[in-house]
Each structure stands twice: as C-alpha cells, then as structure tokens.
Amino acid sequence: MNKDQFKGRVNVAHGKVKEIFGKLVGNMTLQVQGKMQKNMGKMQTIYGDFNDDVKHSINNAKVQGWAPA
C-alpha cells in the first residue's frame, strides 16, 4: 500500500464520520464537507491504486525482459 492509497482510505473514513455527524446534529455544511472529503479520499485511493498497478507492470516487464532496466 502506497501513501496515496493509505491517505485516501483515511480521508474516506474521516469524511464518513464527518458526514454522519453532520446528519446527527443537523449541520448541512458539515454533512456536505464530509461527502466532499469522502469523495476526494476515493479519488486519492484510485490514484494510488493506479500508481501501484503501473509500478507492478513496469517491474513485471523488466523481469520478463520487455523493458529497459
């Protein structure tokens, strides 16, 4: 797990908590901020997953002799 994947998952969890808390106290602003943070966390996780996949693909290509070292 790279840092973007980790930070993204943390932001998703933090955003969910913020969104739920906003619903409980009736604070629409906090609720919207939570949704935004949750979605940004999802995007950061996807970015981290993509980077990880690219790294693995490059390493596999090097092992198989398809890419320059």
Protein backbone atom coordinates (compact mmCIF):
# COMPACT_ATOMS: atom_id res chain seq x y z
CA MET A 1 0.00 0.00 0.00
CA ASN A 2 1.48 3.33 -1.01
CA LYS A 3 0.97 6.66 0.73
CA ASP A 4 -1.83 7.80 -1.62
CA GLN A 5 -3.78 4.62 -1.02
CA PHE A 6 -3.37 4.99 2.75
CA LYS A 7 -4.20 8.71 2.87
CA GLY A 8 -7.16 8.15 0.58
CA ARG A 9 -8.63 5.48 2.81
CA VAL A 10 -8.10 7.66 5.88
CA ASN A 11 -9.89 10.55 4.15
CA VAL A 12 -12.78 8.28 3.17
CA ALA A 13 -13.21 7.18 6.78
CA HIS A 14 -12.85 10.72 8.13
CA GLY A 15 -15.33 12.02 5.57
CA LYS A 16 -17.89 9.35 6.51
CA VAL A 17 -17.61 10.28 10.17
CA LYS A 18 -17.98 13.98 9.36
CA GLU A 19 -20.99 13.30 7.13
CA ILE A 20 -22.74 11.17 9.77
CA PHE A 21 -22.01 13.69 12.50
CA GLY A 22 -23.40 16.46 10.29
CA LYS A 23 -26.61 14.46 9.83
CA LEU A 24 -26.91 13.83 13.56
CA VAL A 25 -26.53 17.47 14.57
CA GLY A 26 -28.46 18.82 11.58
CA ASN A 27 -25.49 20.72 10.15
CA MET A 28 -25.79 20.65 6.36
CA THR A 29 -22.40 22.33 5.86
CA LEU A 30 -20.61 19.66 7.87
CA GLN A 31 -22.54 16.97 6.03
CA VAL A 32 -21.52 18.34 2.62
CA GLN A 33 -17.90 18.75 3.75
CA GLY A 34 -17.94 15.11 4.82
CA LYS A 35 -19.27 13.97 1.46
CA MET A 36 -16.63 16.04 -0.34
CA GLN A 37 -13.82 14.67 1.83
CA LYS A 38 -15.10 11.13 1.34
CA ASN A 39 -15.17 11.53 -2.45
CA MET A 40 -11.74 13.16 -2.53
CA GLY A 41 -10.45 10.24 -0.50
CA LYS A 42 -11.92 7.80 -3.01
CA MET A 43 -10.20 9.66 -5.83
CA GLN A 44 -6.88 9.66 -3.96
CA THR A 45 -7.23 5.91 -3.35
CA ILE A 46 -7.92 5.30 -7.05
CA TYR A 47 -4.87 7.40 -7.94
CA GLY A 48 -2.75 5.36 -5.52
CA ASP A 49 -4.12 2.09 -6.93
CA PHE A 50 -3.29 3.25 -10.46
CA ASN A 51 0.27 4.20 -9.49
CA ASP A 52 0.71 0.84 -7.77
CA ASP A 53 -0.57 -1.01 -10.85
CA VAL A 54 1.79 0.93 -13.12
CA LYS A 55 4.75 0.19 -10.84
CA HIS A 56 3.93 -3.52 -10.82
CA SER A 57 3.50 -3.58 -14.59
CA ILE A 58 6.87 -1.91 -15.14
CA ASN A 59 8.58 -4.27 -12.70
CA ASN A 60 6.98 -7.29 -14.41
CA ALA A 61 8.10 -6.01 -17.80
CA LYS A 62 11.66 -5.61 -16.52
CA VAL A 63 11.69 -9.13 -15.08
CA GLN A 64 10.44 -10.55 -18.36
CA GLY A 65 12.96 -8.53 -20.36
CA TRP A 66 10.40 -6.35 -22.14
CA ALA A 67 11.53 -3.01 -20.76
CA PRO A 68 14.95 -1.41 -20.40
CA ALA A 69 16.45 -1.70 -16.95
